[in-house]
């Protein structure tokens, strides 16, 4: 579905654009979707401006914000828009669940998703410029592996993931993950909205 202005709206990070669209179709949820560039995560200013601008354009809509705590003022922005937000610290927590996310993080994983992998040079270039030694120093400082997560909606991003892992100097590990936790998180948010969970 697209954002046609007549239904409640999931407004969220484009990192799971394909997965959310699939789950909306699968469950027959009568809800619109709209997505914001996932690359904005690397700038609080740009993310805040993008999200508040998107919310302001839809004043009066019932909105479920599909983001984790990706901005220090996330909950204030959501509350100011009289919206609700899905539960979760970040997109990986929303995908894997908190226990699994914490376990992989403690083991030293840097999580790589398709959208970030295929745009790796563009996104890291915005933050670090073209200095691979800086990128390697940062990633190798506290991460031990690059964990590429493939969902049932992922395309083949093998070459992009291998390039990203080579550039940061971390071994690449692949893991196929389902959408059960993501689906349940969305279901809870949608049902909460219907039951008056928003303002």
N, C-alpha and C. Protein backbone atom coordinates (compact mmCIF):
# COMPACT_ATOMS: atom_id res chain seq x y z
N UNK A 1 0.82 -1.20 0.00
CA UNK A 1 0.00 0.00 0.00
C UNK A 1 0.86 1.25 0.00
N UNK A 2 0.26 2.33 -0.39
CA UNK A 2 0.95 3.62 -0.37
C UNK A 2 0.20 4.55 0.58
N UNK A 3 0.71 5.73 0.74
CA UNK A 3 0.13 6.73 1.64
C UNK A 3 -0.89 7.56 0.86
N UNK A 4 -2.18 7.14 0.88
CA UNK A 4 -3.18 7.89 0.12
C UNK A 4 -4.00 8.83 1.00
N UNK A 5 -3.70 8.87 2.31
CA UNK A 5 -4.33 9.84 3.20
C UNK A 5 -5.63 9.43 3.84
N UNK A 6 -6.14 8.24 3.53
CA UNK A 6 -7.46 7.86 4.06
C UNK A 6 -7.41 6.85 5.18
N UNK A 7 -6.31 6.16 5.34
CA UNK A 7 -6.20 5.10 6.34
C UNK A 7 -5.16 5.48 7.39
N UNK A 8 -5.17 4.78 8.54
CA UNK A 8 -4.04 4.94 9.46
C UNK A 8 -2.73 4.67 8.73
N UNK A 9 -1.64 5.16 9.28
CA UNK A 9 -0.36 5.15 8.57
C UNK A 9 0.76 4.58 9.42
N UNK A 10 1.54 3.69 8.85
CA UNK A 10 2.83 3.33 9.41
C UNK A 10 3.86 4.22 8.73
N UNK A 11 4.51 5.07 9.51
CA UNK A 11 5.54 5.97 8.99
C UNK A 11 6.86 5.55 9.60
N UNK A 12 7.79 5.11 8.78
CA UNK A 12 8.99 4.57 9.39
C UNK A 12 10.23 4.60 8.55
N UNK A 13 11.25 4.02 9.13
CA UNK A 13 12.56 3.92 8.51
C UNK A 13 12.49 2.98 7.30
N UNK A 14 13.12 3.40 6.22
CA UNK A 14 13.11 2.59 5.01
C UNK A 14 13.93 1.32 5.08
N UNK A 15 14.61 1.07 6.20
CA UNK A 15 15.46 -0.12 6.31
C UNK A 15 14.65 -1.41 6.13
N UNK A 16 13.38 -1.41 6.58
CA UNK A 16 12.53 -2.59 6.43
C UNK A 16 11.33 -2.30 5.53
N UNK A 17 11.54 -1.47 4.54
CA UNK A 17 10.45 -1.12 3.60
C UNK A 17 9.80 -2.39 3.01
N UNK A 18 10.62 -3.30 2.51
CA UNK A 18 10.08 -4.49 1.85
C UNK A 18 9.40 -5.41 2.85
N UNK A 19 9.98 -5.53 4.04
CA UNK A 19 9.42 -6.43 5.05
C UNK A 19 8.08 -5.93 5.57
N UNK A 20 7.99 -4.63 5.83
CA UNK A 20 6.73 -4.06 6.32
C UNK A 20 5.65 -4.18 5.25
N UNK A 21 5.99 -3.86 4.01
CA UNK A 21 5.01 -3.99 2.92
C UNK A 21 4.52 -5.43 2.79
N UNK A 22 5.44 -6.38 2.91
CA UNK A 22 5.06 -7.79 2.84
C UNK A 22 4.09 -8.16 3.97
N UNK A 23 4.39 -7.71 5.19
CA UNK A 23 3.55 -8.06 6.34
C UNK A 23 2.18 -7.40 6.26
N UNK A 24 2.12 -6.18 5.74
CA UNK A 24 0.83 -5.51 5.55
C UNK A 24 -0.02 -6.32 4.58
N UNK A 25 0.58 -6.76 3.47
CA UNK A 25 -0.16 -7.59 2.50
C UNK A 25 -0.57 -8.92 3.09
N UNK A 26 0.38 -9.57 3.75
CA UNK A 26 0.12 -10.90 4.31
C UNK A 26 -1.04 -10.90 5.29
N UNK A 27 -1.09 -9.88 6.14
CA UNK A 27 -2.11 -9.83 7.19
C UNK A 27 -3.37 -9.09 6.78
N UNK A 28 -3.36 -8.50 5.59
CA UNK A 28 -4.54 -7.76 5.16
C UNK A 28 -4.83 -6.55 6.03
N UNK A 29 -3.77 -5.97 6.61
CA UNK A 29 -3.96 -4.78 7.45
C UNK A 29 -4.38 -3.61 6.58
N UNK A 30 -5.46 -2.96 6.98
CA UNK A 30 -5.92 -1.77 6.25
C UNK A 30 -5.17 -0.57 6.82
N UNK A 31 -4.00 -0.35 6.26
CA UNK A 31 -3.11 0.69 6.76
C UNK A 31 -2.20 1.14 5.64
N UNK A 32 -1.92 2.43 5.59
CA UNK A 32 -0.99 2.97 4.60
C UNK A 32 0.44 2.88 5.15
N UNK A 33 1.41 3.01 4.26
CA UNK A 33 2.82 3.02 4.67
C UNK A 33 3.54 4.16 3.96
N UNK A 34 4.52 4.72 4.67
CA UNK A 34 5.42 5.72 4.09
C UNK A 34 6.76 5.56 4.78
N UNK A 35 7.84 5.72 4.03
CA UNK A 35 9.16 5.43 4.57
C UNK A 35 10.13 6.59 4.35
N UNK A 36 11.04 6.71 5.30
CA UNK A 36 12.06 7.76 5.29
C UNK A 36 13.41 7.09 5.05
N UNK A 37 14.30 7.76 4.36
CA UNK A 37 15.64 7.27 4.03
C UNK A 37 16.37 6.74 5.27
N UNK A 38 16.77 5.49 5.23
CA UNK A 38 17.47 4.88 6.37
C UNK A 38 18.84 5.50 6.61
N UNK A 39 19.40 6.15 5.61
CA UNK A 39 20.71 6.77 5.76
C UNK A 39 20.70 7.99 6.68
N UNK A 40 19.52 8.50 7.03
CA UNK A 40 19.44 9.67 7.91
C UNK A 40 19.85 9.34 9.35
N UNK A 41 19.96 8.05 9.67
CA UNK A 41 20.37 7.65 11.03
C UNK A 41 21.74 8.21 11.42
N UNK A 42 22.54 8.52 10.43
CA UNK A 42 23.90 8.96 10.73
C UNK A 42 23.99 10.45 11.05
N UNK A 43 22.83 11.12 11.08
CA UNK A 43 22.80 12.54 11.45
C UNK A 43 21.53 12.79 12.25
N UNK A 44 21.66 13.07 13.55
CA UNK A 44 20.49 13.37 14.36
C UNK A 44 19.72 14.54 13.78
N UNK A 45 20.43 15.53 13.29
CA UNK A 45 19.78 16.72 12.74
C UNK A 45 18.91 16.35 11.53
N UNK A 46 19.47 15.58 10.59
CA UNK A 46 18.73 15.22 9.38
C UNK A 46 17.58 14.27 9.70
N UNK A 47 17.82 13.32 10.61
CA UNK A 47 16.77 12.39 10.99
C UNK A 47 15.62 13.14 11.67
N UNK A 48 15.96 14.02 12.60
CA UNK A 48 14.93 14.79 13.30
C UNK A 48 14.13 15.65 12.34
N UNK A 49 14.83 16.31 11.43
CA UNK A 49 14.15 17.17 10.46
C UNK A 49 13.26 16.34 9.53
N UNK A 50 13.78 15.19 9.08
CA UNK A 50 13.01 14.33 8.18
C UNK A 50 11.76 13.77 8.83
N UNK A 51 11.90 13.32 10.09
CA UNK A 51 10.76 12.72 10.77
C UNK A 51 9.72 13.78 11.15
N UNK A 52 10.16 14.88 11.74
CA UNK A 52 9.19 15.91 12.13
C UNK A 52 8.49 16.50 10.90
N UNK A 53 9.24 16.64 9.81
CA UNK A 53 8.62 17.15 8.58
C UNK A 53 7.58 16.18 8.04
N UNK A 54 7.90 14.90 8.07
CA UNK A 54 6.96 13.88 7.57
C UNK A 54 5.72 13.81 8.46
N UNK A 55 5.92 13.93 9.76
CA UNK A 55 4.77 13.91 10.68
C UNK A 55 3.91 15.16 10.49
N UNK A 56 4.55 16.31 10.33
CA UNK A 56 3.81 17.57 10.19
C UNK A 56 2.94 17.56 8.93
N UNK A 57 3.41 16.91 7.87
CA UNK A 57 2.63 16.84 6.62
C UNK A 57 1.37 16.02 6.79
N UNK A 58 1.32 15.24 7.87
CA UNK A 58 0.19 14.31 8.05
C UNK A 58 -0.57 14.60 9.34
N UNK A 59 -0.60 15.84 9.73
CA UNK A 59 -1.32 16.24 10.94
C UNK A 59 -2.77 15.76 10.86
N UNK A 60 -3.24 15.17 11.95
CA UNK A 60 -4.61 14.66 11.99
C UNK A 60 -4.75 13.20 11.63
N UNK A 61 -3.70 12.62 11.05
CA UNK A 61 -3.72 11.19 10.72
C UNK A 61 -3.45 10.34 11.95
N UNK A 62 -3.94 9.12 11.95
CA UNK A 62 -3.53 8.14 12.95
C UNK A 62 -2.21 7.55 12.46
N UNK A 63 -1.14 7.76 13.23
CA UNK A 63 0.19 7.36 12.76
C UNK A 63 0.88 6.46 13.77
N UNK A 64 1.43 5.37 13.25
CA UNK A 64 2.33 4.50 14.01
C UNK A 64 3.73 4.77 13.47
N UNK A 65 4.60 5.24 14.34
CA UNK A 65 5.97 5.55 13.95
C UNK A 65 6.81 4.28 14.09
N UNK A 66 7.36 3.83 12.96
CA UNK A 66 8.15 2.60 12.92
C UNK A 66 9.63 2.97 13.02
N UNK A 67 10.05 3.29 14.23
CA UNK A 67 11.44 3.60 14.54
C UNK A 67 11.73 3.09 15.93
N UNK A 68 13.00 2.82 16.19
CA UNK A 68 13.44 2.58 17.55
C UNK A 68 13.78 3.91 18.20
N UNK A 69 14.68 3.87 19.17
CA UNK A 69 15.13 5.10 19.85
C UNK A 69 16.31 5.67 19.08
N UNK A 70 16.09 5.96 17.82
CA UNK A 70 17.18 6.34 16.91
C UNK A 70 17.56 7.80 17.00
N UNK A 71 16.82 8.55 17.78
CA UNK A 71 17.08 9.98 17.98
C UNK A 71 16.83 10.28 19.45
N UNK A 72 17.66 11.12 20.09
CA UNK A 72 17.47 11.38 21.52
C UNK A 72 16.13 12.02 21.86
N UNK A 73 15.47 12.65 20.88
CA UNK A 73 14.17 13.27 21.10
C UNK A 73 13.04 12.49 20.44
N UNK A 74 13.28 11.21 20.13
CA UNK A 74 12.29 10.42 19.40
C UNK A 74 10.93 10.43 20.07
N UNK A 75 10.88 10.13 21.37
CA UNK A 75 9.58 10.04 22.02
C UNK A 75 8.88 11.39 22.10
N UNK A 76 9.63 12.46 22.21
CA UNK A 76 9.01 13.79 22.21
C UNK A 76 8.42 14.10 20.84
N UNK A 77 9.16 13.77 19.77
CA UNK A 77 8.65 14.03 18.42
C UNK A 77 7.37 13.25 18.17
N UNK A 78 7.35 12.00 18.62
CA UNK A 78 6.17 11.15 18.44
C UNK A 78 4.99 11.71 19.24
N UNK A 79 5.24 12.07 20.49
CA UNK A 79 4.17 12.61 21.34
C UNK A 79 3.64 13.93 20.79
N UNK A 80 4.54 14.79 20.33
CA UNK A 80 4.10 16.09 19.78
C UNK A 80 3.20 15.91 18.57
N UNK A 81 3.39 14.81 17.84
CA UNK A 81 2.56 14.54 16.66
C UNK A 81 1.31 13.73 17.00
N UNK A 82 1.11 13.45 18.30
CA UNK A 82 -0.05 12.65 18.74
C UNK A 82 -0.06 11.28 18.06
N UNK A 83 1.13 10.74 17.89
CA UNK A 83 1.29 9.42 17.27
C UNK A 83 1.70 8.41 18.34
N UNK A 84 1.90 7.18 17.95
CA UNK A 84 2.48 6.17 18.82
C UNK A 84 3.68 5.57 18.10
N UNK A 85 4.55 4.91 18.85
CA UNK A 85 5.76 4.31 18.27
C UNK A 85 5.79 2.82 18.60
N UNK A 86 6.29 2.04 17.67
CA UNK A 86 6.48 0.61 17.95
C UNK A 86 7.49 0.46 19.08
N UNK A 87 7.42 -0.67 19.77
CA UNK A 87 8.35 -0.94 20.85
C UNK A 87 9.65 -1.49 20.28
N UNK A 88 10.77 -1.00 20.80
CA UNK A 88 12.07 -1.51 20.37
C UNK A 88 13.14 -0.44 20.45
N UNK A 89 14.34 -0.89 20.78
CA UNK A 89 15.46 0.03 20.91
C UNK A 89 15.95 0.53 19.55
N UNK A 90 15.97 -0.37 18.57
CA UNK A 90 16.41 -0.04 17.21
C UNK A 90 15.86 -1.09 16.25
N UNK A 91 16.20 -0.96 14.97
CA UNK A 91 15.62 -1.87 13.98
C UNK A 91 16.04 -3.32 14.21
N UNK A 92 17.25 -3.54 14.69
CA UNK A 92 17.70 -4.92 14.91
C UNK A 92 16.95 -5.54 16.08
N UNK A 93 16.74 -4.78 17.14
CA UNK A 93 15.93 -5.23 18.27
C UNK A 93 14.52 -5.57 17.79
N UNK A 94 13.94 -4.72 16.94
CA UNK A 94 12.60 -4.96 16.42
C UNK A 94 12.56 -6.22 15.56
N UNK A 95 13.62 -6.50 14.83
CA UNK A 95 13.68 -7.69 13.98
C UNK A 95 13.94 -8.96 14.77
N UNK A 96 14.93 -8.92 15.65
CA UNK A 96 15.38 -10.13 16.32
C UNK A 96 14.75 -10.36 17.69
N UNK A 97 14.27 -9.32 18.34
CA UNK A 97 13.85 -9.42 19.74
C UNK A 97 15.02 -9.03 20.63
N UNK A 98 14.70 -8.47 21.80
CA UNK A 98 15.73 -7.91 22.67
C UNK A 98 16.77 -8.93 23.12
N UNK A 99 16.33 -10.11 23.53
CA UNK A 99 17.27 -11.10 24.05
C UNK A 99 18.30 -11.51 23.00
N UNK A 100 17.84 -11.80 21.81
CA UNK A 100 18.75 -12.23 20.74
C UNK A 100 19.65 -11.08 20.30
N UNK A 101 19.07 -9.89 20.20
CA UNK A 101 19.85 -8.70 19.84
C UNK A 101 20.98 -8.47 20.85
N UNK A 102 20.63 -8.50 22.14
CA UNK A 102 21.64 -8.27 23.18
C UNK A 102 22.74 -9.33 23.13
N UNK A 103 22.35 -10.57 22.87
CA UNK A 103 23.33 -11.66 22.83
C UNK A 103 24.32 -11.47 21.68
N UNK A 104 23.82 -11.15 20.51
CA UNK A 104 24.69 -10.96 19.35
C UNK A 104 25.56 -9.71 19.53
N UNK A 105 24.99 -8.67 20.10
CA UNK A 105 25.75 -7.44 20.33
C UNK A 105 26.88 -7.69 21.32
N UNK A 106 26.59 -8.42 22.38
CA UNK A 106 27.61 -8.74 23.39
C UNK A 106 28.73 -9.59 22.80
N UNK A 107 28.40 -10.38 21.78
CA UNK A 107 29.41 -11.21 21.12
C UNK A 107 30.25 -10.42 20.13
N UNK A 108 29.95 -9.13 19.97
CA UNK A 108 30.78 -8.29 19.12
C UNK A 108 30.29 -8.10 17.71
N UNK A 109 29.00 -8.35 17.46
CA UNK A 109 28.48 -8.23 16.09
C UNK A 109 28.18 -6.78 15.72
N UNK A 110 28.56 -6.43 14.48
CA UNK A 110 28.02 -5.24 13.84
C UNK A 110 26.98 -5.76 12.86
N UNK A 111 25.75 -5.32 12.99
CA UNK A 111 24.65 -5.85 12.18
C UNK A 111 24.58 -5.13 10.84
N UNK A 112 24.46 -5.92 9.78
CA UNK A 112 24.38 -5.38 8.44
C UNK A 112 23.10 -5.86 7.78
N UNK A 113 22.30 -4.91 7.30
CA UNK A 113 21.08 -5.22 6.58
C UNK A 113 21.24 -4.83 5.12
N UNK A 114 20.37 -5.34 4.28
CA UNK A 114 20.51 -5.15 2.84
C UNK A 114 20.61 -3.68 2.44
N UNK A 115 19.72 -2.85 2.95
CA UNK A 115 19.69 -1.45 2.52
C UNK A 115 21.00 -0.74 2.86
N UNK A 116 21.58 -1.04 4.02
CA UNK A 116 22.86 -0.43 4.38
C UNK A 116 23.99 -1.00 3.54
N UNK A 117 23.95 -2.31 3.28
CA UNK A 117 25.02 -2.95 2.53
C UNK A 117 25.13 -2.37 1.12
N UNK A 118 24.00 -2.25 0.43
CA UNK A 118 24.05 -1.80 -0.96
C UNK A 118 24.36 -0.30 -1.06
N UNK A 119 24.24 0.43 0.04
CA UNK A 119 24.53 1.87 0.05
C UNK A 119 25.73 2.19 0.95
N UNK A 120 26.56 1.18 1.20
CA UNK A 120 27.63 1.31 2.18
C UNK A 120 28.55 2.51 1.90
N UNK A 121 29.04 2.61 0.68
CA UNK A 121 29.96 3.70 0.35
C UNK A 121 29.30 5.06 0.52
N UNK A 122 28.06 5.15 0.08
CA UNK A 122 27.32 6.42 0.19
C UNK A 122 27.13 6.83 1.65
N UNK A 123 26.69 5.88 2.48
CA UNK A 123 26.37 6.21 3.87
C UNK A 123 27.64 6.46 4.69
N UNK A 124 28.63 5.58 4.57
CA UNK A 124 29.85 5.79 5.36
C UNK A 124 30.61 7.01 4.85
N UNK A 125 30.49 7.30 3.56
CA UNK A 125 31.15 8.48 3.01
C UNK A 125 30.61 9.76 3.61
N UNK A 126 29.31 9.79 3.91
CA UNK A 126 28.70 10.96 4.53
C UNK A 126 29.31 11.23 5.90
N UNK A 127 29.63 10.14 6.61
CA UNK A 127 30.09 10.27 8.00
C UNK A 127 31.60 10.39 8.10
N UNK A 128 32.32 9.51 7.38
CA UNK A 128 33.77 9.40 7.55
C UNK A 128 34.58 9.95 6.39
N UNK A 129 33.91 10.29 5.30
CA UNK A 129 34.66 10.70 4.12
C UNK A 129 35.30 9.48 3.46
N UNK A 130 36.37 9.70 2.72
CA UNK A 130 37.01 8.59 2.00
C UNK A 130 38.31 8.18 2.69
N UNK A 131 38.24 7.93 3.98
CA UNK A 131 39.42 7.55 4.75
C UNK A 131 39.21 6.16 5.35
N UNK A 132 39.55 5.11 4.60
CA UNK A 132 39.29 3.75 5.08
C UNK A 132 39.97 3.42 6.40
N UNK A 133 41.13 4.03 6.67
CA UNK A 133 41.82 3.72 7.93
C UNK A 133 41.00 4.19 9.14
N UNK A 134 40.28 5.29 8.99
CA UNK A 134 39.42 5.79 10.07
C UNK A 134 38.24 4.84 10.27
N UNK A 135 37.64 4.40 9.16
CA UNK A 135 36.51 3.47 9.23
C UNK A 135 36.94 2.18 9.91
N UNK A 136 38.10 1.63 9.52
CA UNK A 136 38.56 0.39 10.13
C UNK A 136 38.85 0.55 11.62
N UNK A 137 39.46 1.66 11.98
CA UNK A 137 39.77 1.89 13.39
C UNK A 137 38.49 1.93 14.23
N UNK A 138 37.48 2.59 13.73
CA UNK A 138 36.22 2.71 14.46
C UNK A 138 35.52 1.36 14.58
N UNK A 139 35.38 0.65 13.47
CA UNK A 139 34.65 -0.62 13.49
C UNK A 139 35.41 -1.71 14.25
N UNK A 140 36.71 -1.74 14.12
CA UNK A 140 37.48 -2.79 14.79
C UNK A 140 37.70 -2.48 16.27
N UNK A 141 37.37 -1.27 16.68
CA UNK A 141 37.56 -0.89 18.08
C UNK A 141 36.74 -1.73 19.04
N UNK A 142 35.47 -2.00 18.71
CA UNK A 142 34.64 -2.76 19.64
C UNK A 142 33.80 -3.84 18.96
N UNK A 143 33.97 -4.04 17.68
CA UNK A 143 33.22 -5.09 16.96
C UNK A 143 34.17 -6.18 16.50
N UNK A 144 33.69 -7.41 16.51
CA UNK A 144 34.53 -8.55 16.12
C UNK A 144 34.10 -9.19 14.80
N UNK A 145 32.81 -9.04 14.47
CA UNK A 145 32.29 -9.63 13.23
C UNK A 145 31.29 -8.68 12.59
N UNK A 146 31.08 -8.85 11.31
CA UNK A 146 29.98 -8.18 10.62
C UNK A 146 28.93 -9.25 10.38
N UNK A 147 27.78 -9.11 11.00
CA UNK A 147 26.72 -10.10 10.92
C UNK A 147 25.66 -9.61 9.93
N UNK A 148 25.64 -10.22 8.76
CA UNK A 148 24.68 -9.85 7.71
C UNK A 148 23.39 -10.64 7.93
N UNK A 149 22.30 -9.92 8.10
CA UNK A 149 21.00 -10.55 8.36
C UNK A 149 20.16 -10.55 7.10
N UNK A 150 19.79 -11.77 6.69
CA UNK A 150 18.97 -11.95 5.49
C UNK A 150 17.55 -12.29 5.92
N UNK A 151 16.56 -11.49 5.49
CA UNK A 151 15.16 -11.81 5.78
C UNK A 151 14.56 -12.51 4.57
N UNK A 152 13.35 -13.06 4.70
CA UNK A 152 12.71 -13.67 3.53
C UNK A 152 12.46 -12.67 2.40
N UNK A 153 12.51 -11.38 2.67
CA UNK A 153 12.28 -10.36 1.65
C UNK A 153 13.57 -9.83 1.03
N UNK A 154 14.71 -10.23 1.57
CA UNK A 154 15.99 -9.71 1.08
C UNK A 154 16.28 -10.17 -0.34
N UNK A 155 16.92 -9.31 -1.10
CA UNK A 155 17.47 -9.71 -2.38
C UNK A 155 18.86 -10.29 -2.15
N UNK A 156 19.57 -10.52 -3.22
CA UNK A 156 20.94 -11.02 -3.10
C UNK A 156 21.89 -9.84 -2.93
N UNK A 157 22.34 -9.63 -1.68
CA UNK A 157 23.27 -8.53 -1.44
C UNK A 157 24.64 -9.06 -1.00
N UNK A 158 24.96 -10.27 -1.49
CA UNK A 158 26.22 -10.92 -1.12
C UNK A 158 27.42 -10.06 -1.46
N UNK A 159 27.51 -9.61 -2.70
CA UNK A 159 28.68 -8.84 -3.12
C UNK A 159 28.82 -7.56 -2.31
N UNK A 160 27.70 -6.87 -2.05
CA UNK A 160 27.74 -5.62 -1.30
C UNK A 160 28.18 -5.87 0.14
N UNK A 161 27.69 -6.95 0.75
CA UNK A 161 28.07 -7.27 2.13
C UNK A 161 29.55 -7.64 2.21
N UNK A 162 30.02 -8.42 1.23
CA UNK A 162 31.43 -8.81 1.24
C UNK A 162 32.33 -7.58 1.09
N UNK A 163 31.92 -6.65 0.26
CA UNK A 163 32.70 -5.42 0.08
C UNK A 163 32.73 -4.62 1.38
N UNK A 164 31.58 -4.48 2.04
CA UNK A 164 31.52 -3.72 3.30
C UNK A 164 32.41 -4.34 4.36
N UNK A 165 32.35 -5.68 4.46
CA UNK A 165 33.17 -6.37 5.46
C UNK A 165 34.65 -6.20 5.17
N UNK A 166 35.02 -6.26 3.91
CA UNK A 166 36.42 -6.07 3.53
C UNK A 166 36.88 -4.66 3.86
N UNK A 167 36.04 -3.68 3.59
CA UNK A 167 36.40 -2.29 3.84
C UNK A 167 36.62 -1.99 5.33
N UNK A 168 35.84 -2.65 6.20
CA UNK A 168 36.01 -2.39 7.63
C UNK A 168 36.97 -3.39 8.27
N UNK A 169 37.34 -4.43 7.54
CA UNK A 169 38.31 -5.40 8.05
C UNK A 169 37.75 -6.34 9.10
N UNK A 170 36.47 -6.72 8.93
CA UNK A 170 35.86 -7.68 9.86
C UNK A 170 35.40 -8.91 9.10
N UNK A 171 35.46 -10.09 9.75
CA UNK A 171 34.92 -11.29 9.09
C UNK A 171 33.41 -11.18 8.94
N UNK A 172 32.92 -11.65 7.80
CA UNK A 172 31.49 -11.59 7.50
C UNK A 172 30.82 -12.90 7.85
N UNK A 173 29.74 -12.81 8.60
CA UNK A 173 28.93 -13.97 8.97
C UNK A 173 27.51 -13.72 8.47
N UNK A 174 26.89 -14.75 7.92
CA UNK A 174 25.53 -14.63 7.41
C UNK A 174 24.55 -15.33 8.34
N UNK A 175 23.37 -14.74 8.48
CA UNK A 175 22.32 -15.39 9.26
C UNK A 175 20.98 -15.10 8.60
N UNK A 176 20.21 -16.17 8.37
CA UNK A 176 18.86 -16.02 7.85
C UNK A 176 17.91 -15.86 9.04
N UNK A 177 17.08 -14.83 8.99
CA UNK A 177 16.17 -14.55 10.10
C UNK A 177 14.75 -14.43 9.58
N UNK A 178 13.81 -14.83 10.41
CA UNK A 178 12.40 -14.73 10.05
C UNK A 178 11.83 -13.37 10.43
N UNK A 179 10.53 -13.22 10.19
CA UNK A 179 9.87 -11.94 10.45
C UNK A 179 8.90 -12.02 11.62
N UNK A 180 8.97 -13.10 12.41
CA UNK A 180 7.99 -13.29 13.48
C UNK A 180 7.99 -12.15 14.49
N UNK A 181 9.17 -11.74 14.95
CA UNK A 181 9.21 -10.69 15.97
C UNK A 181 8.80 -9.35 15.38
N UNK A 182 9.25 -9.06 14.18
CA UNK A 182 8.85 -7.82 13.51
C UNK A 182 7.34 -7.78 13.31
N UNK A 183 6.76 -8.90 12.89
CA UNK A 183 5.32 -8.97 12.67
C UNK A 183 4.54 -8.74 13.96
N UNK A 184 4.99 -9.36 15.04
CA UNK A 184 4.30 -9.21 16.32
C UNK A 184 4.42 -7.78 16.84
N UNK A 185 5.59 -7.15 16.64
CA UNK A 185 5.77 -5.77 17.07
C UNK A 185 4.80 -4.85 16.34
N UNK A 186 4.65 -5.04 15.04
CA UNK A 186 3.70 -4.24 14.27
C UNK A 186 2.26 -4.53 14.68
N UNK A 187 1.96 -5.80 14.90
CA UNK A 187 0.60 -6.17 15.30
C UNK A 187 0.20 -5.49 16.61
N UNK A 188 1.12 -5.53 17.59
CA UNK A 188 0.84 -4.90 18.89
C UNK A 188 0.60 -3.41 18.72
N UNK A 189 1.41 -2.75 17.90
CA UNK A 189 1.26 -1.31 17.68
C UNK A 189 -0.06 -1.00 16.99
N UNK A 190 -0.42 -1.78 15.98
CA UNK A 190 -1.67 -1.55 15.25
C UNK A 190 -2.87 -1.76 16.17
N UNK A 191 -2.83 -2.81 16.97
CA UNK A 191 -3.94 -3.07 17.88
C UNK A 191 -4.01 -2.02 18.98
N UNK A 192 -2.85 -1.53 19.44
CA UNK A 192 -2.84 -0.47 20.43
C UNK A 192 -3.48 0.80 19.89
N UNK A 193 -3.21 1.11 18.64
CA UNK A 193 -3.80 2.29 18.02
C UNK A 193 -5.32 2.14 17.95
N UNK A 194 -5.77 0.97 17.58
CA UNK A 194 -7.21 0.73 17.46
C UNK A 194 -7.91 0.82 18.82
N UNK A 195 -7.17 0.44 19.86
CA UNK A 195 -7.75 0.46 21.20
C UNK A 195 -7.58 1.81 21.90
N UNK A 196 -7.11 2.81 21.14
CA UNK A 196 -6.98 4.14 21.71
C UNK A 196 -5.66 4.40 22.37
N UNK A 197 -4.58 3.67 21.94
CA UNK A 197 -3.26 3.85 22.53
C UNK A 197 -2.64 5.17 22.18
N UNK A 198 -3.08 5.82 21.10
CA UNK A 198 -2.56 7.12 20.74
C UNK A 198 -3.36 8.22 21.39
N UNK A 199 -2.92 9.46 21.22
CA UNK A 199 -3.64 10.60 21.81
C UNK A 199 -4.91 10.90 21.01
